PDB file of all heavy atoms in Angstrom:
ATOM      1  N   SER A   1       0.284  33.974  73.408  1.00  0.00           N
ATOM      2  CA  SER A   1       0.662  32.742  74.089  1.00  0.00           C
ATOM      3  C   SER A   1       0.150  31.517  73.337  1.00  0.00           C
ATOM      4  O   SER A   1      -1.060  31.349  73.168  1.00  0.00           O
ATOM      5  CB  SER A   1       0.085  32.730  75.505  1.00  0.00           C
ATOM      6  OG  SER A   1       0.297  31.470  76.090  1.00  0.00           O
ATOM      7  N   PRO A   2       1.063  30.653  72.884  1.00  0.00           N
ATOM      8  CA  PRO A   2       0.609  29.433  72.217  1.00  0.00           C
ATOM      9  C   PRO A   2       0.044  28.415  73.205  1.00  0.00           C
ATOM     10  O   PRO A   2      -0.715  27.543  72.828  1.00  0.00           O
ATOM     11  CB  PRO A   2       1.869  28.896  71.541  1.00  0.00           C
ATOM     12  CG  PRO A   2       2.998  29.455  72.334  1.00  0.00           C
ATOM     13  CD  PRO A   2       2.516  30.769  72.905  1.00  0.00           C
ATOM     14  N   ALA A   3       0.404  28.545  74.460  1.00  0.00           N
ATOM     15  CA  ALA A   3      -0.025  27.569  75.467  1.00  0.00           C
ATOM     16  C   ALA A   3      -1.456  27.788  75.926  1.00  0.00           C
ATOM     17  O   ALA A   3      -2.170  26.843  76.222  1.00  0.00           O
ATOM     18  CB  ALA A   3       0.920  27.615  76.664  1.00  0.00           C
ATOM     19  N   ARG A   4      -1.875  29.063  75.993  1.00  0.00           N
ATOM     20  CA  ARG A   4      -3.207  29.338  76.527  1.00  0.00           C
ATOM     21  C   ARG A   4      -3.753  30.623  75.921  1.00  0.00           C
ATOM     22  O   ARG A   4      -3.191  31.696  76.117  1.00  0.00           O
ATOM     23  CB  ARG A   4      -3.121  29.475  78.040  1.00  0.00           C
ATOM     24  CG  ARG A   4      -4.455  29.482  78.700  1.00  0.00           C
ATOM     25  CD  ARG A   4      -4.294  29.277  80.175  1.00  0.00           C
ATOM     26  NE  ARG A   4      -4.878  30.438  80.853  1.00  0.00           N
ATOM     27  CZ  ARG A   4      -4.718  30.722  82.092  1.00  0.00           C
ATOM     28  NH1 ARG A   4      -3.930  29.974  82.829  1.00  0.00           N
ATOM     29  NH2 ARG A   4      -5.291  31.754  82.634  1.00  0.00           N
ATOM     30  N   THR A   5      -4.835  30.520  75.208  1.00  0.00           N
ATOM     31  CA  THR A   5      -5.465  31.693  74.611  1.00  0.00           C
ATOM     32  C   THR A   5      -6.350  32.356  75.650  1.00  0.00           C
ATOM     33  O   THR A   5      -7.224  31.714  76.223  1.00  0.00           O
ATOM     34  CB  THR A   5      -6.316  31.286  73.385  1.00  0.00           C
ATOM     35  OG1 THR A   5      -5.473  30.606  72.466  1.00  0.00           O
ATOM     36  CG2 THR A   5      -6.936  32.494  72.725  1.00  0.00           C
ATOM     37  N   PRO A   6      -6.136  33.662  75.904  1.00  0.00           N
ATOM     38  CA  PRO A   6      -6.988  34.350  76.875  1.00  0.00           C
ATOM     39  C   PRO A   6      -8.442  34.408  76.396  1.00  0.00           C
ATOM     40  O   PRO A   6      -8.716  34.417  75.190  1.00  0.00           O
ATOM     41  CB  PRO A   6      -6.392  35.753  76.952  1.00  0.00           C
ATOM     42  CG  PRO A   6      -5.072  35.689  76.293  1.00  0.00           C
ATOM     43  CD  PRO A   6      -5.106  34.526  75.364  1.00  0.00           C
ATOM     44  N   SER A   7      -9.359  34.501  77.327  1.00  0.00           N
ATOM     45  CA  SER A   7     -10.775  34.626  76.991  1.00  0.00           C
ATOM     46  C   SER A   7     -11.004  35.933  76.246  1.00  0.00           C
ATOM     47  O   SER A   7     -10.176  36.849  76.324  1.00  0.00           O
ATOM     48  CB  SER A   7     -11.613  34.616  78.269  1.00  0.00           C
ATOM     49  OG  SER A   7     -11.396  35.826  78.985  1.00  0.00           O
ATOM     50  N   PRO A   8     -12.122  36.053  75.527  1.00  0.00           N
ATOM     51  CA  PRO A   8     -12.418  37.317  74.844  1.00  0.00           C
ATOM     52  C   PRO A   8     -12.421  38.514  75.795  1.00  0.00           C
ATOM     53  O   PRO A   8     -11.946  39.592  75.431  1.00  0.00           O
ATOM     54  CB  PRO A   8     -13.795  37.077  74.231  1.00  0.00           C
ATOM     55  CG  PRO A   8     -13.844  35.601  74.006  1.00  0.00           C
ATOM     56  CD  PRO A   8     -13.096  35.012  75.179  1.00  0.00           C
ATOM     57  N   ALA A   9     -12.916  38.339  77.022  1.00  0.00           N
ATOM     58  CA  ALA A   9     -12.933  39.448  77.982  1.00  0.00           C
ATOM     59  C   ALA A   9     -11.515  39.873  78.366  1.00  0.00           C
ATOM     60  O   ALA A   9     -11.216  41.066  78.450  1.00  0.00           O
ATOM     61  CB  ALA A   9     -13.729  39.052  79.224  1.00  0.00           C
ATOM     62  N   VAL A  10     -10.638  38.895  78.585  1.00  0.00           N
ATOM     63  CA  VAL A  10      -9.251  39.210  78.948  1.00  0.00           C
ATOM     64  C   VAL A  10      -8.531  39.828  77.759  1.00  0.00           C
ATOM     65  O   VAL A  10      -7.786  40.803  77.907  1.00  0.00           O
ATOM     66  CB  VAL A  10      -8.516  37.950  79.467  1.00  0.00           C
ATOM     67  CG1 VAL A  10      -7.023  38.207  79.625  1.00  0.00           C
ATOM     68  CG2 VAL A  10      -9.123  37.496  80.781  1.00  0.00           C
ATOM     69  N   ARG A  11      -8.769  39.289  76.551  1.00  0.00           N
ATOM     70  CA  ARG A  11      -8.149  39.877  75.352  1.00  0.00           C
ATOM     71  C   ARG A  11      -8.576  41.339  75.207  1.00  0.00           C
ATOM     72  O   ARG A  11      -7.753  42.209  74.935  1.00  0.00           O
ATOM     73  CB  ARG A  11      -8.515  39.080  74.102  1.00  0.00           C
ATOM     74  CG  ARG A  11      -7.866  37.706  74.058  1.00  0.00           C
ATOM     75  CD  ARG A  11      -8.273  36.916  72.824  1.00  0.00           C
ATOM     76  NE  ARG A  11      -7.645  37.417  71.617  1.00  0.00           N
ATOM     77  CZ  ARG A  11      -6.393  37.171  71.252  1.00  0.00           C
ATOM     78  NH1 ARG A  11      -5.624  36.434  72.035  1.00  0.00           N
ATOM     79  NH2 ARG A  11      -5.917  37.631  70.134  1.00  0.00           N
ATOM     80  N   GLY A  12      -9.858  41.600  75.393  1.00  0.00           N
ATOM     81  CA  GLY A  12     -10.352  42.973  75.300  1.00  0.00           C
ATOM     82  C   GLY A  12      -9.695  43.881  76.321  1.00  0.00           C
ATOM     83  O   GLY A  12      -9.309  45.012  76.014  1.00  0.00           O
ATOM     84  N   ALA A  13      -9.550  43.379  77.552  1.00  0.00           N
ATOM     85  CA  ALA A  13      -8.908  44.171  78.605  1.00  0.00           C
ATOM     86  C   ALA A  13      -7.442  44.441  78.271  1.00  0.00           C
ATOM     87  O   ALA A  13      -6.943  45.553  78.488  1.00  0.00           O
ATOM     88  CB  ALA A  13      -9.027  43.445  79.947  1.00  0.00           C
ATOM     89  N   LEU A  14      -6.758  43.446  77.717  1.00  0.00           N
ATOM     90  CA  LEU A  14      -5.355  43.645  77.330  1.00  0.00           C
ATOM     91  C   LEU A  14      -5.231  44.685  76.221  1.00  0.00           C
ATOM     92  O   LEU A  14      -4.354  45.555  76.268  1.00  0.00           O
ATOM     93  CB  LEU A  14      -4.726  42.319  76.903  1.00  0.00           C
ATOM     94  CG  LEU A  14      -4.476  41.318  78.022  1.00  0.00           C
ATOM     95  CD1 LEU A  14      -4.142  39.945  77.461  1.00  0.00           C
ATOM     96  CD2 LEU A  14      -3.374  41.809  78.962  1.00  0.00           C
ATOM     97  N   TYR A  15      -6.115  44.619  75.221  1.00  0.00           N
ATOM     98  CA  TYR A  15      -6.069  45.616  74.139  1.00  0.00           C
ATOM     99  C   TYR A  15      -6.392  47.011  74.665  1.00  0.00           C
ATOM    100  O   TYR A  15      -5.763  47.993  74.251  1.00  0.00           O
ATOM    101  CB  TYR A  15      -7.006  45.235  72.995  1.00  0.00           C
ATOM    102  CG  TYR A  15      -6.446  44.141  72.118  1.00  0.00           C
ATOM    103  CD1 TYR A  15      -7.092  42.924  71.984  1.00  0.00           C
ATOM    104  CD2 TYR A  15      -5.258  44.330  71.419  1.00  0.00           C
ATOM    105  CE1 TYR A  15      -6.572  41.924  71.174  1.00  0.00           C
ATOM    106  CE2 TYR A  15      -4.721  43.330  70.619  1.00  0.00           C
ATOM    107  CZ  TYR A  15      -5.388  42.132  70.500  1.00  0.00           C
ATOM    108  OH  TYR A  15      -4.872  41.145  69.712  1.00  0.00           O
ATOM    109  N   ARG A  16      -7.350  47.135  75.579  1.00  0.00           N
ATOM    110  CA  ARG A  16      -7.660  48.453  76.156  1.00  0.00           C
ATOM    111  C   ARG A  16      -6.465  48.992  76.947  1.00  0.00           C
ATOM    112  O   ARG A  16      -6.140  50.175  76.881  1.00  0.00           O
ATOM    113  CB  ARG A  16      -8.905  48.373  77.039  1.00  0.00           C
ATOM    114  CG  ARG A  16     -10.201  48.289  76.244  1.00  0.00           C
ATOM    115  CD  ARG A  16     -11.433  48.443  77.127  1.00  0.00           C
ATOM    116  NE  ARG A  16     -11.540  47.422  78.168  1.00  0.00           N
ATOM    117  CZ  ARG A  16     -12.018  46.194  77.977  1.00  0.00           C
ATOM    118  NH1 ARG A  16     -12.461  45.825  76.782  1.00  0.00           N
ATOM    119  NH2 ARG A  16     -12.087  45.329  78.979  1.00  0.00           N
ATOM    120  N   MET A  17      -5.802  48.104  77.694  1.00  0.00           N
ATOM    121  CA  MET A  17      -4.624  48.532  78.450  1.00  0.00           C
ATOM    122  C   MET A  17      -3.532  49.011  77.494  1.00  0.00           C
ATOM    123  O   MET A  17      -2.937  50.070  77.699  1.00  0.00           O
ATOM    124  CB  MET A  17      -4.085  47.404  79.321  1.00  0.00           C
ATOM    125  CG  MET A  17      -2.881  47.843  80.141  1.00  0.00           C
ATOM    126  SD  MET A  17      -2.001  46.498  80.936  1.00  0.00           S
ATOM    127  CE  MET A  17      -1.303  45.651  79.539  1.00  0.00           C
ATOM    128  N   LEU A  18      -3.281  48.239  76.437  1.00  0.00           N
ATOM    129  CA  LEU A  18      -2.257  48.632  75.465  1.00  0.00           C
ATOM    130  C   LEU A  18      -2.580  49.994  74.853  1.00  0.00           C
ATOM    131  O   LEU A  18      -1.702  50.849  74.721  1.00  0.00           O
ATOM    132  CB  LEU A  18      -2.142  47.580  74.349  1.00  0.00           C
ATOM    133  CG  LEU A  18      -1.443  46.282  74.720  1.00  0.00           C
ATOM    134  CD1 LEU A  18      -1.629  45.246  73.621  1.00  0.00           C
ATOM    135  CD2 LEU A  18       0.029  46.524  74.989  1.00  0.00           C
ATOM    136  N   ALA A  19      -3.831  50.194  74.488  1.00  0.00           N
ATOM    137  CA  ALA A  19      -4.236  51.453  73.853  1.00  0.00           C
ATOM    138  C   ALA A  19      -4.070  52.632  74.803  1.00  0.00           C
ATOM    139  O   ALA A  19      -3.832  53.761  74.351  1.00  0.00           O
ATOM    140  CB  ALA A  19      -5.688  51.363  73.386  1.00  0.00           C
ATOM    141  N   GLY A  20      -4.158  52.395  76.103  1.00  0.00           N
ATOM    142  CA  GLY A  20      -4.062  53.475  77.069  1.00  0.00           C
ATOM    143  C   GLY A  20      -2.654  53.764  77.570  1.00  0.00           C
ATOM    144  O   GLY A  20      -2.451  54.719  78.311  1.00  0.00           O
ATOM    145  N   LEU A  21      -1.683  52.966  77.169  1.00  0.00           N
ATOM    146  CA  LEU A  21      -0.319  53.197  77.634  1.00  0.00           C
ATOM    147  C   LEU A  21       0.281  54.434  76.969  1.00  0.00           C
ATOM    148  O   LEU A  21       0.171  54.590  75.745  1.00  0.00           O
ATOM    149  CB  LEU A  21       0.575  51.991  77.330  1.00  0.00           C
ATOM    150  CG  LEU A  21       0.343  50.728  78.130  1.00  0.00           C
ATOM    151  CD1 LEU A  21       1.209  49.590  77.598  1.00  0.00           C
ATOM    152  CD2 LEU A  21       0.630  50.974  79.605  1.00  0.00           C
ATOM    153  N   PRO A  22       0.931  55.293  77.739  1.00  0.00           N
ATOM    154  CA  PRO A  22       1.603  56.439  77.131  1.00  0.00           C
ATOM    155  C   PRO A  22       2.678  55.969  76.155  1.00  0.00           C
ATOM    156  O   PRO A  22       3.420  55.033  76.446  1.00  0.00           O
ATOM    157  CB  PRO A  22       2.246  57.158  78.318  1.00  0.00           C
ATOM    158  CG  PRO A  22       1.594  56.610  79.530  1.00  0.00           C
ATOM    159  CD  PRO A  22       1.088  55.246  79.186  1.00  0.00           C
ATOM    160  N   GLY A  23       2.730  56.584  75.010  1.00  0.00           N
ATOM    161  CA  GLY A  23       3.762  56.251  74.028  1.00  0.00           C
ATOM    162  C   GLY A  23       3.378  55.186  73.025  1.00  0.00           C
ATOM    163  O   GLY A  23       4.096  54.976  72.053  1.00  0.00           O
ATOM    164  N   VAL A  24       2.266  54.477  73.232  1.00  0.00           N
ATOM    165  CA  VAL A  24       1.843  53.483  72.247  1.00  0.00           C
ATOM    166  C   VAL A  24       1.341  54.236  71.024  1.00  0.00           C
ATOM    167  O   VAL A  24       0.584  55.189  71.127  1.00  0.00           O
ATOM    168  CB  VAL A  24       0.750  52.550  72.801  1.00  0.00           C
ATOM    169  CG1 VAL A  24       0.153  51.689  71.695  1.00  0.00           C
ATOM    170  CG2 VAL A  24       1.325  51.661  73.884  1.00  0.00           C
ATOM    171  N   ARG A  25       1.811  53.807  69.866  1.00  0.00           N
ATOM    172  CA  ARG A  25       1.412  54.482  68.634  1.00  0.00           C
ATOM    173  C   ARG A  25       1.069  53.467  67.556  1.00  0.00           C
ATOM    174  O   ARG A  25       1.549  52.332  67.579  1.00  0.00           O
ATOM    175  CB  ARG A  25       2.511  55.414  68.157  1.00  0.00           C
ATOM    176  CG  ARG A  25       3.754  54.704  67.676  1.00  0.00           C
ATOM    177  CD  ARG A  25       4.921  55.653  67.426  1.00  0.00           C
ATOM    178  NE  ARG A  25       5.987  55.011  66.709  1.00  0.00           N
ATOM    179  CZ  ARG A  25       6.842  54.136  67.214  1.00  0.00           C
ATOM    180  NH1 ARG A  25       6.726  53.769  68.476  1.00  0.00           N
ATOM    181  NH2 ARG A  25       7.790  53.604  66.480  1.00  0.00           N
ATOM    182  N   SER A  26       0.253  53.912  66.640  1.00  0.00           N
ATOM    183  CA  SER A  26      -0.119  53.077  65.505  1.00  0.00           C
ATOM    184  C   SER A  26       0.991  53.141  64.459  1.00  0.00           C
ATOM    185  O   SER A  26       1.540  54.201  64.181  1.00  0.00           O
ATOM    186  CB  SER A  26      -1.424  53.584  64.894  1.00  0.00           C
ATOM    187  OG  SER A  26      -1.681  52.906  63.677  1.00  0.00           O
ATOM    188  N   LEU A  27       1.294  51.993  63.888  1.00  0.00           N
ATOM    189  CA  LEU A  27       2.206  51.930  62.750  1.00  0.00           C
ATOM    190  C   LEU A  27       1.430  51.917  61.446  1.00  0.00           C
ATOM    191  O   LEU A  27       2.019  51.916  60.371  1.00  0.00           O
ATOM    192  CB  LEU A  27       3.080  50.674  62.835  1.00  0.00           C
ATOM    193  CG  LEU A  27       3.980  50.556  64.063  1.00  0.00           C
ATOM    194  CD1 LEU A  27       4.674  49.204  64.074  1.00  0.00           C
ATOM    195  CD2 LEU A  27       4.975  51.692  64.114  1.00  0.00           C
ATOM    196  N   GLY A  28       0.096  51.859  61.564  1.00  0.00           N
ATOM    197  CA  GLY A  28      -0.734  51.767  60.370  1.00  0.00           C
ATOM    198  C   GLY A  28      -0.611  50.381  59.763  1.00  0.00           C
ATOM    199  O   GLY A  28      -0.348  49.393  60.447  1.00  0.00           O
ATOM    200  N   THR A  29      -0.774  50.306  58.466  1.00  0.00           N
ATOM    201  CA  THR A  29      -0.653  49.037  57.760  1.00  0.00           C
ATOM    202  C   THR A  29       0.809  48.806  57.402  1.00  0.00           C
ATOM    203  O   THR A  29       1.439  49.654  56.778  1.00  0.00           O
ATOM    204  CB  THR A  29      -1.524  49.027  56.490  1.00  0.00           C
ATOM    205  OG1 THR A  29      -2.878  49.290  56.870  1.00  0.00           O
ATOM    206  CG2 THR A  29      -1.457  47.674  55.792  1.00  0.00           C
ATOM    207  N   VAL A  30       1.330  47.670  57.851  1.00  0.00           N
ATOM    208  CA  VAL A  30       2.717  47.273  57.600  1.00  0.00           C
ATOM    209  C   VAL A  30       2.701  45.831  57.093  1.00  0.00           C
ATOM    210  O   VAL A  30       1.636  45.241  56.920  1.00  0.00           O
ATOM    211  CB  VAL A  30       3.591  47.399  58.872  1.00  0.00           C
ATOM    212  CG1 VAL A  30       3.686  48.844  59.328  1.00  0.00           C
ATOM    213  CG2 VAL A  30       3.058  46.527  59.994  1.00  0.00           C
ATOM    214  N   ARG A  31       3.862  45.268  56.883  1.00  0.00           N
ATOM    215  CA  ARG A  31       3.967  43.851  56.499  1.00  0.00           C
ATOM    216  C   ARG A  31       4.588  43.074  57.657  1.00  0.00           C
ATOM    217  O   ARG A  31       5.502  43.555  58.319  1.00  0.00           O
ATOM    218  CB  ARG A  31       4.815  43.705  55.253  1.00  0.00           C
ATOM    219  CG  ARG A  31       4.181  44.375  54.051  1.00  0.00           C
ATOM    220  CD  ARG A  31       4.239  43.471  52.856  1.00  0.00           C
ATOM    221  NE  ARG A  31       3.606  44.104  51.715  1.00  0.00           N
ATOM    222  CZ  ARG A  31       2.455  43.725  51.202  1.00  0.00           C
ATOM    223  NH1 ARG A  31       1.802  42.709  51.730  1.00  0.00           N
ATOM    224  NH2 ARG A  31       1.940  44.327  50.164  1.00  0.00           N
ATOM    225  N   ASP A  32       4.048  41.882  57.887  1.00  0.00           N
ATOM    226  CA  ASP A  32       4.626  41.022  58.917  1.00  0.00           C
ATOM    227  C   ASP A  32       5.877  40.355  58.341  1.00  0.00           C
ATOM    228  O   ASP A  32       6.201  40.548  57.168  1.00  0.00           O
ATOM    229  CB  ASP A  32       3.581  40.035  59.449  1.00  0.00           C
ATOM    230  CG  ASP A  32       3.317  38.846  58.540  1.00  0.00           C
ATOM    231  OD1 ASP A  32       3.823  38.819  57.390  1.00  0.00           O
ATOM    232  OD2 ASP A  32       2.588  37.941  58.967  1.00  0.00           O
ATOM    233  N   PRO A  33       6.620  39.575  59.123  1.00  0.00           N
ATOM    234  CA  PRO A  33       7.836  38.943  58.613  1.00  0.00           C
ATOM    235  C   PRO A  33       7.623  38.018  57.411  1.00  0.00           C
ATOM    236  O   PRO A  33       8.558  37.748  56.666  1.00  0.00           O
ATOM    237  CB  PRO A  33       8.360  38.156  59.818  1.00  0.00           C
ATOM    238  CG  PRO A  33       7.854  38.918  60.997  1.00  0.00           C
ATOM    239  CD  PRO A  33       6.491  39.401  60.582  1.00  0.00           C
ATOM    240  N   LEU A  34       6.389  37.553  57.207  1.00  0.00           N
ATOM    241  CA  LEU A  34       6.098  36.697  56.045  1.00  0.00           C
ATOM    242  C   LEU A  34       5.597  37.500  54.848  1.00  0.00           C
ATOM    243  O   LEU A  34       5.236  36.922  53.828  1.00  0.00           O
ATOM    244  CB  LEU A  34       5.072  35.629  56.426  1.00  0.00           C
ATOM    245  CG  LEU A  34       5.512  34.650  57.517  1.00  0.00           C
ATOM    246  CD1 LEU A  34       4.384  33.684  57.854  1.00  0.00           C
ATOM    247  CD2 LEU A  34       6.763  33.895  57.080  1.00  0.00           C
ATOM    248  N   GLY A  35       5.551  38.824  54.996  1.00  0.00           N
ATOM    249  CA  GLY A  35       5.128  39.677  53.894  1.00  0.00           C
ATOM    250  C   GLY A  35       3.639  39.945  53.810  1.00  0.00           C
ATOM    251  O   GLY A  35       3.170  40.586  52.872  1.00  0.00           O
ATOM    252  N   ARG A  36       2.869  39.470  54.780  1.00  0.00           N
ATOM    253  CA  ARG A  36       1.421  39.666  54.761  1.00  0.00           C
ATOM    254  C   ARG A  36       1.069  41.044  55.332  1.00  0.00           C
ATOM    255  O   ARG A  36       1.733  41.521  56.255  1.00  0.00           O
ATOM    256  CB  ARG A  36       0.731  38.594  55.599  1.00  0.00           C
ATOM    257  CG  ARG A  36       1.021  37.176  55.155  1.00  0.00           C
ATOM    258  CD  ARG A  36       0.495  36.165  56.145  1.00  0.00           C
ATOM    259  NE  ARG A  36       1.193  36.311  57.434  1.00  0.00           N
ATOM    260  CZ  ARG A  36       1.024  35.506  58.472  1.00  0.00           C
ATOM    261  NH1 ARG A  36       0.160  34.502  58.400  1.00  0.00           N
ATOM    262  NH2 ARG A  36       1.697  35.686  59.587  1.00  0.00           N
ATOM    263  N   PRO A  37       0.009  41.680  54.828  1.00  0.00           N
ATOM    264  CA  PRO A  37      -0.418  42.951  55.414  1.00  0.00           C
ATOM    265  C   PRO A  37      -0.850  42.740  56.863  1.00  0.00           C
ATOM    266  O   PRO A  37      -1.488  41.749  57.200  1.00  0.00           O
ATOM    267  CB  PRO A  37      -1.610  43.380  54.561  1.00  0.00           C
ATOM    268  CG  PRO A  37      -1.528  42.561  53.317  1.00  0.00           C
ATOM    269  CD  PRO A  37      -0.805  41.300  53.669  1.00  0.00           C
ATOM    270  N   ALA A  38      -0.487  43.679  57.709  1.00  0.00           N
ATOM    271  CA  ALA A  38      -0.824  43.626  59.131  1.00  0.00           C
ATOM    272  C   ALA A  38      -1.064  45.051  59.628  1.00  0.00           C
ATOM    273  O   ALA A  38      -0.612  46.011  59.020  1.00  0.00           O
ATOM    274  CB  ALA A  38       0.315  42.988  59.926  1.00  0.00           C
ATOM    275  N   VAL A  39      -1.768  45.143  60.739  1.00  0.00           N
ATOM    276  CA  VAL A  39      -1.944  46.416  61.431  1.00  0.00           C
ATOM    277  C   VAL A  39      -0.957  46.403  62.587  1.00  0.00           C
ATOM    278  O   VAL A  39      -0.956  45.472  63.392  1.00  0.00           O
ATOM    279  CB  VAL A  39      -3.391  46.581  61.936  1.00  0.00           C
ATOM    280  CG1 VAL A  39      -3.528  47.852  62.748  1.00  0.00           C
ATOM    281  CG2 VAL A  39      -4.364  46.571  60.764  1.00  0.00           C
ATOM    282  N   GLY A  40      -0.120  47.422  62.666  1.00  0.00           N
ATOM    283  CA  GLY A  40       0.919  47.433  63.685  1.00  0.00           C
ATOM    284  C   GLY A  40       0.720  48.498  64.737  1.00  0.00           C
ATOM    285  O   GLY A  40       0.225  49.588  64.449  1.00  0.00           O
ATOM    286  N   VAL A  41       1.104  48.155  65.957  1.00  0.00           N
ATOM    287  CA  VAL A  41       1.212  49.118  67.052  1.00  0.00           C
ATOM    288  C   VAL A  41       2.582  48.913  67.685  1.00  0.00           C
ATOM    289  O   VAL A  41       3.143  47.816  67.628  1.00  0.00           O
ATOM    290  CB  VAL A  41       0.088  48.983  68.110  1.00  0.00           C
ATOM    291  CG1 VAL A  41      -1.262  49.333  67.533  1.00  0.00           C
ATOM    292  CG2 VAL A  41       0.066  47.609  68.722  1.00  0.00           C
ATOM    293  N   ALA A  42       3.114  49.984  68.270  1.00  0.00           N
ATOM    294  CA  ALA A  42       4.466  49.894  68.827  1.00  0.00           C
ATOM    295  C   ALA A  42       4.610  50.803  70.032  1.00  0.00           C
ATOM    296  O   ALA A  42       3.848  51.758  70.212  1.00  0.00           O
ATOM    297  CB  ALA A  42       5.498  50.276  67.770  1.00  0.00           C
TER     298      ALA A  42
END
């Protein structure tokens, strides 16, 4: 969200929720649309 950055506690909770969702998988190291290395999940 460009309008409001969540607090570190909320960000942590969101990442934990994402990691616990069935079907979420790591893409490993990929490139973002600008060609920069990124870590992807899908």
